[in-house]
Amino acid sequence: MIAAAGSGQRLGAGGPKAFVPLAGRRLVEWSVDACRAAPSVRSIVVACPPGHVHDLAGHDIGVVDGGATRAESVRNALEAVGTELVAIHDAARPLVTPQLIEDVVATLVSDPEAAGAIAATPVTDTIKRAADGIERGIPMPEMGNPRLIVESTVDRGSLWAAQTPQVFRVAALREALAADPEAVAAATDEAMLIEAAGGKALIHPSSPENLKVTTPLDLRVAELLLADRSAE
């Protein structure tokens, strides 16, 4: 399943992010090709922006309308899934490889008690927890961004930045999606839902190269990385 219903607002795309040009192709096409090349993937369904189903339809791709939230998009696409496992990937991560998909699937399969497995990379930056200056009663500058104050430094030793693909046992994911609607709508990835339901989610270490395209800078970096792959 490819989640491709993002608006692209932060990217300044002027339209759905999935259709932004990247290295001569639409952004989503890179993820579709990686899924096609992964031996464990039997079929592909894409949750796209409402009204754009025909822009992505292909003979080997199922396409459904995405929803107002990520959870709605996943729920819509999950209706087309009839397998025991499902891999969910963001169209905004165009550098995913077939091998990474296979590795995350294998991580989940290796533990019958696990409900899911995710690609993630260790956090390398020093992480600060900040408090908004307004909440502390500190005057704000008349211009510029709100003043933020460092509250503490977070131990990064156990921190991982979650990526996709994320692979789940379909029954567990459906049960998690049926939980409290507000909590489901607020989830930023499916692993959060599994965690909230008390399920076990595993981590497969991934590379920072599997980046998410959110800003114009991300798009440029992705272009450079794809050019390097082509040169190889």
C-alpha atoms as a PDB file:
ATOM      1  CA  MET A   1       0.000   0.000   0.000  1.00  0.00           C
ATOM      2  CA  ILE A   2       1.354   3.402  -0.982  1.00  0.00           C
ATOM      3  CA  ALA A   3       0.050   6.448   0.878  1.00  0.00           C
ATOM      4  CA  ALA A   4       0.039   9.210  -1.731  1.00  0.00           C
ATOM      5  CA  ALA A   5      -2.761  11.559  -0.669  1.00  0.00           C
ATOM      6  CA  GLY A   6      -0.544  14.368   0.673  1.00  0.00           C
ATOM      7  CA  SER A   7      -1.339  17.905  -0.419  1.00  0.00           C
ATOM      8  CA  GLY A   8       2.242  19.033  -1.010  1.00  0.00           C
ATOM      9  CA  GLN A   9       1.563  22.363   0.716  1.00  0.00           C
ATOM     10  CA  ARG A  10       4.904  22.535   2.537  1.00  0.00           C
ATOM     11  CA  LEU A  11       6.644  21.578  -0.683  1.00  0.00           C
ATOM     12  CA  GLY A  12       4.944  24.462  -2.488  1.00  0.00           C
ATOM     13  CA  ALA A  13       3.930  22.019  -5.206  1.00  0.00           C
ATOM     14  CA  GLY A  14       0.691  23.738  -6.209  1.00  0.00           C
ATOM     15  CA  GLY A  15      -0.945  20.316  -6.356  1.00  0.00           C
ATOM     16  CA  PRO A  16      -0.715  16.792  -4.950  1.00  0.00           C
ATOM     17  CA  LYS A  17       2.776  15.920  -3.744  1.00  0.00           C
ATOM     18  CA  ALA A  18       2.591  12.492  -5.398  1.00  0.00           C
ATOM     19  CA  PHE A  19       2.653  14.102  -8.844  1.00  0.00           C
ATOM     20  CA  VAL A  20       5.599  16.458  -8.280  1.00  0.00           C
ATOM     21  CA  PRO A  21       8.329  15.873 -10.900  1.00  0.00           C
ATOM     22  CA  LEU A  22      11.449  14.182  -9.554  1.00  0.00           C
ATOM     23  CA  ALA A  23      14.326  13.217 -11.845  1.00  0.00           C
ATOM     24  CA  GLY A  24      12.051  13.128 -14.862  1.00  0.00           C
ATOM     25  CA  ARG A  25       9.213  11.155 -13.264  1.00  0.00           C
ATOM     26  CA  ARG A  26       6.351  11.719 -10.878  1.00  0.00           C
ATOM     27  CA  LEU A  27       7.340  11.320  -7.239  1.00  0.00           C
ATOM     28  CA  VAL A  28       5.023   8.368  -6.590  1.00  0.00           C
ATOM     29  CA  GLU A  29       6.352   6.376  -9.548  1.00  0.00           C
ATOM     30  CA  TRP A  30       9.672   5.753  -7.800  1.00  0.00           C
ATOM     31  CA  SER A  31       7.900   4.022  -4.916  1.00  0.00           C
ATOM     32  CA  VAL A  32       5.624   2.059  -7.241  1.00  0.00           C
ATOM     33  CA  ASP A  33       8.628   0.701  -9.135  1.00  0.00           C
ATOM     34  CA  ALA A  34      10.392  -0.310  -5.921  1.00  0.00           C
ATOM     35  CA  CYS A  35       7.291  -2.186  -4.788  1.00  0.00           C
ATOM     36  CA  ARG A  36       6.981  -3.905  -8.166  1.00  0.00           C
ATOM     37  CA  ALA A  37      10.562  -5.137  -7.861  1.00  0.00           C
ATOM     38  CA  ALA A  38      10.150  -6.529  -4.328  1.00  0.00           C
ATOM     39  CA  PRO A  39       9.597 -10.317  -4.557  1.00  0.00           C
ATOM     40  CA  SER A  40       7.234 -10.431  -1.569  1.00  0.00           C
ATOM     41  CA  VAL A  41       4.857  -7.829  -3.019  1.00  0.00           C
ATOM     42  CA  ARG A  42       1.968  -9.505  -4.835  1.00  0.00           C
ATOM     43  CA  SER A  43      -0.169  -6.449  -5.584  1.00  0.00           C
ATOM     44  CA  ILE A  44      -0.100  -2.676  -5.092  1.00  0.00           C
ATOM     45  CA  VAL A  45      -2.841  -0.295  -4.006  1.00  0.00           C
ATOM     46  CA  VAL A  46      -2.314   3.479  -3.917  1.00  0.00           C
ATOM     47  CA  ALA A  47      -4.332   5.901  -1.791  1.00  0.00           C
ATOM     48  CA  CYS A  48      -4.283   9.076  -3.858  1.00  0.00           C
ATOM     49  CA  PRO A  49      -5.809  12.537  -3.491  1.00  0.00           C
ATOM     50  CA  PRO A  50      -9.584  12.448  -4.078  1.00  0.00           C
ATOM     51  CA  GLY A  51     -10.407  13.072  -7.718  1.00  0.00           C
ATOM     52  CA  HIS A  52      -7.073  11.787  -9.012  1.00  0.00           C
ATOM     53  CA  VAL A  53      -7.773   8.055  -9.223  1.00  0.00           C
ATOM     54  CA  HIS A  54      -7.555   8.036 -13.017  1.00  0.00           C
ATOM     55  CA  ASP A  55      -4.192   9.824 -12.921  1.00  0.00           C
ATOM     56  CA  LEU A  56      -2.563   6.777 -11.364  1.00  0.00           C
ATOM     57  CA  ALA A  57      -4.608   3.820 -12.534  1.00  0.00           C
ATOM     58  CA  GLY A  58      -2.640   1.063 -14.229  1.00  0.00           C
ATOM     59  CA  HIS A  59      -3.176  -2.543 -15.181  1.00  0.00           C
ATOM     60  CA  ASP A  60      -1.273  -3.791 -12.131  1.00  0.00           C
ATOM     61  CA  ILE A  61      -2.136  -1.028  -9.628  1.00  0.00           C
ATOM     62  CA  GLY A  62      -5.261  -0.574  -7.556  1.00  0.00           C
ATOM     63  CA  VAL A  63      -6.071   3.046  -6.773  1.00  0.00           C
ATOM     64  CA  VAL A  64      -8.476   4.384  -4.147  1.00  0.00           C
ATOM     65  CA  ASP A  65      -9.391   7.850  -2.931  1.00  0.00           C
ATOM     66  CA  GLY A  66      -7.432   8.942   0.112  1.00  0.00           C
ATOM     67  CA  GLY A  67      -9.134  10.595   3.065  1.00  0.00           C
ATOM     68  CA  ALA A  68      -8.833  13.793   5.070  1.00  0.00           C
ATOM     69  CA  THR A  69      -6.355  12.111   7.417  1.00  0.00           C
ATOM     70  CA  ARG A  70      -3.640   9.525   6.976  1.00  0.00           C
ATOM     71  CA  ALA A  71      -5.685   6.992   8.928  1.00  0.00           C
ATOM     72  CA  GLU A  72      -8.647   7.460   6.579  1.00  0.00           C
ATOM     73  CA  SER A  73      -6.412   6.932   3.562  1.00  0.00           C
ATOM     74  CA  VAL A  74      -4.964   3.752   5.033  1.00  0.00           C
ATOM     75  CA  ARG A  75      -8.413   2.486   6.012  1.00  0.00           C
ATOM     76  CA  ASN A  76      -9.717   3.084   2.485  1.00  0.00           C
ATOM     77  CA  ALA A  77      -6.796   1.253   0.900  1.00  0.00           C
ATOM     78  CA  LEU A  78      -6.948  -1.568   3.439  1.00  0.00           C
ATOM     79  CA  GLU A  79     -10.371  -2.519   2.126  1.00  0.00           C
ATOM     80  CA  ALA A  80      -8.627  -3.744  -1.029  1.00  0.00           C
ATOM     81  CA  VAL A  81      -6.152  -5.892   0.908  1.00  0.00           C
ATOM     82  CA  GLY A  82      -6.834  -9.614   1.218  1.00  0.00           C
ATOM     83  CA  THR A  83      -3.432 -10.831   2.386  1.00  0.00           C
ATOM     84  CA  GLU A  84      -2.136 -11.695   5.857  1.00  0.00           C
ATOM     85  CA  LEU A  85       0.548  -8.993   5.742  1.00  0.00           C
ATOM     86  CA  VAL A  86       0.519  -5.475   4.340  1.00  0.00           C
ATOM     87  CA  ALA A  87       3.447  -3.130   3.736  1.00  0.00           C
ATOM     88  CA  ILE A  88       2.624   0.575   3.930  1.00  0.00           C
ATOM     89  CA  HIS A  89       4.960   3.057   2.283  1.00  0.00           C
ATOM     90  CA  ASP A  90       4.858   6.840   1.860  1.00  0.00           C
ATOM     91  CA  ALA A  91       5.002   8.104  -1.713  1.00  0.00           C
ATOM     92  CA  ALA A  92       7.076  10.943  -0.243  1.00  0.00           C
ATOM     93  CA  ARG A  93       9.986   8.494   0.304  1.00  0.00           C
ATOM     94  CA  PRO A  94      11.065   7.903  -3.313  1.00  0.00           C
ATOM     95  CA  LEU A  95      14.450   6.383  -2.471  1.00  0.00           C
ATOM     96  CA  VAL A  96      13.054   3.206  -0.951  1.00  0.00           C
ATOM     97  CA  THR A  97      14.642   0.054  -2.367  1.00  0.00           C
ATOM     98  CA  PRO A  98      13.134  -3.385  -3.013  1.00  0.00           C
ATOM     99  CA  GLN A  99      15.715  -4.803  -0.596  1.00  0.00           C
ATOM    100  CA  LEU A 100      14.533  -2.553   2.240  1.00  0.00           C
ATOM    101  CA  ILE A 101      10.947  -3.687   1.676  1.00  0.00           C
ATOM    102  CA  GLU A 102      12.076  -7.323   1.789  1.00  0.00           C
ATOM    103  CA  ASP A 103      14.131  -6.746   4.917  1.00  0.00           C
ATOM    104  CA  VAL A 104      11.261  -5.169   6.859  1.00  0.00           C
ATOM    105  CA  VAL A 105       8.921  -7.988   5.798  1.00  0.00           C
ATOM    106  CA  ALA A 106      11.509 -10.538   6.956  1.00  0.00           C
ATOM    107  CA  THR A 107      11.879  -8.775  10.313  1.00  0.00           C
ATOM    108  CA  LEU A 108       8.160  -9.107  10.996  1.00  0.00           C
ATOM    109  CA  VAL A 109       7.959 -12.694   9.761  1.00  0.00           C
ATOM    110  CA  SER A 110      10.846 -13.655  12.052  1.00  0.00           C
ATOM    111  CA  ASP A 111       8.745 -12.937  15.163  1.00  0.00           C
ATOM    112  CA  PRO A 112       5.267 -14.548  15.227  1.00  0.00           C
ATOM    113  CA  GLU A 113       4.351 -12.472  18.287  1.00  0.00           C
ATOM    114  CA  ALA A 114       5.025  -9.134  16.580  1.00  0.00           C
ATOM    115  CA  ALA A 115       2.179  -7.161  15.028  1.00  0.00           C
ATOM    116  CA  GLY A 116       4.388  -4.923  12.923  1.00  0.00           C
ATOM    117  CA  ALA A 117       7.891  -3.957  11.844  1.00  0.00           C
ATOM    118  CA  ILE A 118       9.147  -0.596  10.650  1.00  0.00           C
ATOM    119  CA  ALA A 119      12.140   0.869   8.902  1.00  0.00           C
ATOM    120  CA  ALA A 120      13.867   3.441  11.091  1.00  0.00           C
ATOM    121  CA  THR A 121      17.207   5.169  11.414  1.00  0.00           C
ATOM    122  CA  PRO A 122      19.046   6.067  14.638  1.00  0.00           C
ATOM    123  CA  VAL A 123      18.737   9.710  15.687  1.00  0.00           C
ATOM    124  CA  THR A 124      22.137  11.359  15.344  1.00  0.00           C
ATOM    125  CA  ASP A 125      21.370  14.997  16.162  1.00  0.00           C
ATOM    126  CA  THR A 126      21.350  16.262  19.732  1.00  0.00           C
ATOM    127  CA  ILE A 127      17.670  16.580  20.649  1.00  0.00           C
ATOM    128  CA  LYS A 128      16.390  19.471  22.756  1.00  0.00           C
ATOM    129  CA  ARG A 129      12.999  19.749  24.418  1.00  0.00           C
ATOM    130  CA  ALA A 130      11.834  23.366  24.234  1.00  0.00           C
ATOM    131  CA  ALA A 131       9.181  25.488  25.895  1.00  0.00           C
ATOM    132  CA  ASP A 132       7.407  28.292  24.104  1.00  0.00           C
ATOM    133  CA  GLY A 133       8.479  31.679  25.506  1.00  0.00           C
ATOM    134  CA  ILE A 134       4.863  32.836  25.521  1.00  0.00           C
ATOM    135  CA  GLU A 135       4.009  30.127  28.037  1.00  0.00           C
ATOM    136  CA  ARG A 136       6.862  31.325  30.255  1.00  0.00           C
ATOM    137  CA  GLY A 137       5.669  34.918  30.204  1.00  0.00           C
ATOM    138  CA  ILE A 138       8.690  36.116  28.276  1.00  0.00           C
ATOM    139  CA  PRO A 139       8.096  39.054  25.886  1.00  0.00           C
ATOM    140  CA  MET A 140       8.153  38.135  22.227  1.00  0.00           C
ATOM    141  CA  PRO A 141      10.114  40.056  19.620  1.00  0.00           C
ATOM    142  CA  GLU A 142       7.912  42.278  17.513  1.00  0.00           C
ATOM    143  CA  MET A 143       9.184  40.534  14.396  1.00  0.00           C
ATOM    144  CA  GLY A 144      10.447  37.067  13.627  1.00  0.00           C
ATOM    145  CA  ASN A 145       9.733  33.662  15.044  1.00  0.00           C
ATOM    146  CA  PRO A 146       8.468  33.074  18.602  1.00  0.00           C
ATOM    147  CA  ARG A 147      11.285  32.776  21.121  1.00  0.00           C
ATOM    148  CA  LEU A 148      11.852  29.202  22.260  1.00  0.00           C
ATOM    149  CA  ILE A 149      13.681  28.190  25.406  1.00  0.00           C
ATOM    150  CA  VAL A 150      15.547  24.933  25.905  1.00  0.00           C
ATOM    151  CA  GLU A 151      13.992  22.907  28.732  1.00  0.00           C
ATOM    152  CA  SER A 152      16.219  19.855  28.554  1.00  0.00           C
ATOM    153  CA  THR A 153      18.385  17.653  26.366  1.00  0.00           C
ATOM    154  CA  VAL A 154      16.871  14.289  25.461  1.00  0.00           C
ATOM    155  CA  ASP A 155      19.024  11.173  25.592  1.00  0.00           C
ATOM    156  CA  ARG A 156      19.236  10.115  21.949  1.00  0.00           C
ATOM    157  CA  GLY A 157      20.718   6.711  22.725  1.00  0.00           C
ATOM    158  CA  SER A 158      17.371   4.940  22.436  1.00  0.00           C
ATOM    159  CA  LEU A 159      15.767   7.242  19.853  1.00  0.00           C
ATOM    160  CA  TRP A 160      14.962   6.197  16.292  1.00  0.00           C
ATOM    161  CA  ALA A 161      13.459   8.251  13.462  1.00  0.00           C
ATOM    162  CA  ALA A 162      10.604   6.233  12.008  1.00  0.00           C
ATOM    163  CA  GLN A 163      10.428   5.761   8.251  1.00  0.00           C
ATOM    164  CA  THR A 164       8.446   3.624   5.869  1.00  0.00           C
ATOM    165  CA  PRO A 165       7.919   0.920   4.737  1.00  0.00           C
ATOM    166  CA  GLN A 166       6.060  -0.308   7.775  1.00  0.00           C
ATOM    167  CA  VAL A 167       4.777  -3.874   7.590  1.00  0.00           C
ATOM    168  CA  PHE A 168       1.851  -5.192   9.648  1.00  0.00           C
ATOM    169  CA  ARG A 169      -0.291  -8.205  10.218  1.00  0.00           C
ATOM    170  CA  VAL A 170      -3.522  -7.076   8.579  1.00  0.00           C
ATOM    171  CA  ALA A 171      -5.787  -8.331  11.371  1.00  0.00           C
ATOM    172  CA  ALA A 172      -3.819  -6.360  13.980  1.00  0.00           C
ATOM    173  CA  LEU A 173      -3.827  -3.194  11.870  1.00  0.00           C
ATOM    174  CA  ARG A 174      -7.568  -3.386  11.251  1.00  0.00           C
ATOM    175  CA  GLU A 175      -8.159  -3.780  14.972  1.00  0.00           C
ATOM    176  CA  ALA A 176      -5.897  -0.808  15.728  1.00  0.00           C
ATOM    177  CA  LEU A 177      -7.715   1.357  13.175  1.00  0.00           C
ATOM    178  CA  ALA A 178     -11.006   0.582  14.936  1.00  0.00           C
ATOM    179  CA  ALA A 179      -9.819   2.214  18.185  1.00  0.00           C
ATOM    180  CA  ASP A 180     -10.782   5.651  19.530  1.00  0.00           C
ATOM    181  CA  PRO A 181     -11.435   7.838  16.443  1.00  0.00           C
ATOM    182  CA  GLU A 182      -9.640  10.890  17.831  1.00  0.00           C
ATOM    183  CA  ALA A 183      -6.522   8.921  18.692  1.00  0.00           C
ATOM    184  CA  VAL A 184      -6.573   7.215  15.299  1.00  0.00           C
ATOM    185  CA  ALA A 185      -6.936  10.536  13.474  1.00  0.00           C
ATOM    186  CA  ALA A 186      -4.008  12.021  15.429  1.00  0.00           C
ATOM    187  CA  ALA A 187      -1.622   9.156  14.609  1.00  0.00           C
ATOM    188  CA  THR A 188       1.254  10.143  12.335  1.00  0.00           C
ATOM    189  CA  ASP A 189       2.101   6.582  11.390  1.00  0.00           C
ATOM    190  CA  GLU A 190       0.514   3.153  11.700  1.00  0.00           C
ATOM    191  CA  ALA A 191       3.057   1.923  14.244  1.00  0.00           C
ATOM    192  CA  MET A 192       1.594   4.447  16.706  1.00  0.00           C
ATOM    193  CA  LEU A 193      -1.751   2.679  16.427  1.00  0.00           C
ATOM    194  CA  ILE A 194      -0.190  -0.724  17.000  1.00  0.00           C
ATOM    195  CA  GLU A 195       1.692   0.624  20.036  1.00  0.00           C
ATOM    196  CA  ALA A 196      -1.495   2.181  21.472  1.00  0.00           C
ATOM    197  CA  ALA A 197      -3.281  -1.153  21.071  1.00  0.00           C
ATOM    198  CA  GLY A 198      -0.548  -2.891  23.052  1.00  0.00           C
ATOM    199  CA  GLY A 199       0.972  -4.662  20.062  1.00  0.00           C
ATOM    200  CA  LYS A 200       4.662  -5.334  19.527  1.00  0.00           C
ATOM    201  CA  ALA A 201       6.362  -3.361  16.743  1.00  0.00           C
ATOM    202  CA  LEU A 202       9.906  -4.197  15.661  1.00  0.00           C
ATOM    203  CA  ILE A 203      12.565  -1.943  14.142  1.00  0.00           C
ATOM    204  CA  HIS A 204      14.643  -2.761  11.095  1.00  0.00           C
ATOM    205  CA  PRO A 205      17.613  -0.337  10.932  1.00  0.00           C
ATOM    206  CA  SER A 206      17.532   1.701   7.757  1.00  0.00           C
ATOM    207  CA  SER A 207      19.623   4.380   6.085  1.00  0.00           C
ATOM    208  CA  PRO A 208      19.025   8.138   6.316  1.00  0.00           C
ATOM    209  CA  GLU A 209      19.072   8.011   2.506  1.00  0.00           C
ATOM    210  CA  ASN A 210      15.479   6.761   2.691  1.00  0.00           C
ATOM    211  CA  LEU A 211      14.477  10.372   3.247  1.00  0.00           C
ATOM    212  CA  LYS A 212      11.034  11.941   3.174  1.00  0.00           C
ATOM    213  CA  VAL A 213      10.439  14.707   0.635  1.00  0.00           C
ATOM    214  CA  THR A 214       8.733  17.521   2.536  1.00  0.00           C
ATOM    215  CA  THR A 215      10.509  20.715   1.449  1.00  0.00           C
ATOM    216  CA  PRO A 216      12.108  21.952  -1.792  1.00  0.00           C
ATOM    217  CA  LEU A 217      15.507  21.164  -0.249  1.00  0.00           C
ATOM    218  CA  ASP A 218      14.452  17.544   0.313  1.00  0.00           C
ATOM    219  CA  LEU A 219      13.390  17.344  -3.320  1.00  0.00           C
ATOM    220  CA  ARG A 220      16.777  18.598  -4.477  1.00  0.00           C
ATOM    221  CA  VAL A 221      18.632  16.136  -2.237  1.00  0.00           C
ATOM    222  CA  ALA A 222      16.486  13.289  -3.564  1.00  0.00           C
ATOM    223  CA  GLU A 223      17.330  14.315  -7.141  1.00  0.00           C
ATOM    224  CA  LEU A 224      21.042  14.236  -6.353  1.00  0.00           C
ATOM    225  CA  LEU A 225      20.828  10.839  -4.681  1.00  0.00           C
ATOM    226  CA  LEU A 226      18.865   9.373  -7.574  1.00  0.00           C
ATOM    227  CA  ALA A 227      21.439  10.774  -9.992  1.00  0.00           C
ATOM    228  CA  ASP A 228      24.178   9.028  -7.997  1.00  0.00           C
ATOM    229  CA  ARG A 229      22.275   5.741  -8.235  1.00  0.00           C
ATOM    230  CA  SER A 230      21.930   6.122 -11.985  1.00  0.00           C
ATOM    231  CA  ALA A 231      25.657   6.786 -12.303  1.00  0.00           C
ATOM    232  CA  GLU A 232      26.383   3.535 -10.480  1.00  0.00           C
END
